Amino acid sequence: MRRTKTMLMGDLLEEFFSRPYVAAKVAEGKLPDTWRAIVGDRVADRTTRLSLENHILYVHITSSAIRSELFLRRDALAAEINRLSGVRLVNAVIIR
């Protein structure tokens, strides 16, 4: 609460969500949607599980052909996830 300068609720929420910890948690919650946007519907449908632990994204894929293709593009996937998230969310991607 401030007495000298009033703040609009939108400005207050923008400030709150721009904090690094909060922004990372929001991006983590949106990770399944971000994954679908990057790889497409067919690959996302073959993805059985996404888990993020210590900035390492573990991706479980049912198709061996898709798994091999994604394995070759791990670095590009991590970069695109971070770009769309707006924060450094993923350092590495492990495809299983």
Protein backbone atom coordinates (compact mmCIF):
# COMPACT_ATOMS: atom_id res chain seq x y z
CA MET A 1 0.00 0.00 0.00
CA ARG A 2 1.36 3.37 -0.98
CA ARG A 3 0.44 6.79 0.27
CA THR A 4 2.53 8.94 -2.05
CA LYS A 5 1.93 7.42 -5.48
CA THR A 6 -1.12 5.46 -6.43
CA MET A 7 -0.73 2.53 -8.78
CA LEU A 8 -3.21 1.05 -11.19
CA MET A 9 -4.07 -2.59 -10.65
CA GLY A 10 -2.80 -3.46 -14.16
CA ASP A 11 0.58 -1.87 -13.42
CA LEU A 12 0.80 -3.74 -10.15
CA LEU A 13 0.02 -7.08 -11.81
CA GLU A 14 2.49 -6.38 -14.63
CA GLU A 15 5.20 -5.69 -12.08
CA PHE A 16 4.33 -8.86 -10.17
CA PHE A 17 4.35 -11.14 -13.23
CA SER A 18 7.60 -9.66 -14.53
CA ARG A 19 9.54 -10.87 -11.51
CA PRO A 20 11.88 -13.66 -12.64
CA TYR A 21 10.61 -16.34 -10.24
CA VAL A 22 6.95 -15.66 -11.01
CA ALA A 23 7.59 -15.42 -14.76
CA ALA A 24 9.40 -18.77 -14.68
CA LYS A 25 6.55 -20.45 -12.80
CA VAL A 26 3.98 -19.07 -15.26
CA ALA A 27 6.11 -20.27 -18.19
CA GLU A 28 6.42 -23.69 -16.55
CA GLY A 29 2.65 -23.91 -16.28
CA LYS A 30 2.29 -23.07 -19.97
CA LEU A 31 4.92 -25.61 -21.02
CA PRO A 32 2.48 -28.17 -22.55
CA ASP A 33 0.93 -25.45 -24.72
CA THR A 34 4.37 -24.12 -25.67
CA TRP A 35 5.50 -27.64 -26.57
CA ARG A 36 2.44 -28.13 -28.81
CA ALA A 37 3.05 -24.77 -30.51
CA ILE A 38 6.68 -25.69 -31.27
CA VAL A 39 6.42 -29.30 -32.41
CA GLY A 40 2.87 -29.38 -33.79
CA ASP A 41 -0.20 -31.42 -33.01
CA ARG A 42 0.98 -34.80 -34.32
CA VAL A 43 4.19 -34.85 -32.29
CA ALA A 44 2.43 -33.43 -29.23
CA ASP A 45 -0.12 -36.24 -29.47
CA ARG A 46 2.77 -38.75 -29.38
CA THR A 47 4.23 -37.06 -26.31
CA THR A 48 3.25 -38.99 -23.22
CA ARG A 49 4.94 -36.86 -20.57
CA LEU A 50 6.81 -33.59 -20.13
CA SER A 51 8.65 -32.95 -16.89
CA LEU A 52 10.94 -30.10 -15.94
CA GLU A 53 13.55 -30.71 -13.24
CA ASN A 54 16.42 -28.30 -12.52
CA HIS A 55 16.01 -26.59 -15.92
CA ILE A 56 16.20 -29.92 -17.75
CA LEU A 57 13.15 -30.85 -19.81
CA TYR A 58 12.45 -34.59 -20.00
CA VAL A 59 10.23 -35.51 -22.95
CA HIS A 60 8.73 -38.98 -23.32
CA ILE A 61 7.75 -39.88 -26.90
CA THR A 62 6.00 -43.09 -28.00
CA SER A 63 7.29 -43.07 -31.59
CA SER A 64 10.93 -44.04 -32.18
CA ALA A 65 11.07 -42.14 -35.49
CA ILE A 66 9.86 -38.92 -33.87
CA ARG A 67 12.17 -39.53 -30.91
CA SER A 68 15.17 -39.78 -33.27
CA GLU A 69 14.19 -36.61 -35.14
CA LEU A 70 13.69 -34.61 -31.94
CA PHE A 71 16.95 -35.93 -30.51
CA LEU A 72 18.82 -34.25 -33.36
CA ARG A 73 17.04 -30.94 -32.67
CA ARG A 74 17.42 -30.78 -28.88
CA ASP A 75 19.33 -27.49 -28.80
CA ALA A 76 16.92 -25.79 -31.19
CA LEU A 77 13.97 -27.01 -29.12
CA ALA A 78 15.46 -25.59 -25.92
CA ALA A 79 16.18 -22.25 -27.60
CA GLU A 80 12.65 -22.00 -29.00
CA ILE A 81 11.04 -22.89 -25.66
CA ASN A 82 13.08 -20.17 -23.96
CA ARG A 83 12.23 -17.66 -26.68
CA LEU A 84 8.50 -18.30 -26.51
CA SER A 85 8.51 -18.39 -22.71
CA GLY A 86 10.34 -15.10 -22.39
CA VAL A 87 12.57 -16.52 -19.64
CA ARG A 88 15.44 -18.99 -19.54
CA LEU A 89 13.31 -21.97 -18.58
CA VAL A 90 15.18 -24.87 -20.18
CA ASN A 91 18.94 -25.47 -20.34
CA ALA A 92 18.74 -28.92 -21.92
CA VAL A 93 16.18 -31.27 -23.47
CA ILE A 94 16.38 -35.02 -22.91
CA ILE A 95 14.27 -37.15 -25.25
CA ARG A 96 13.18 -40.57 -24.00
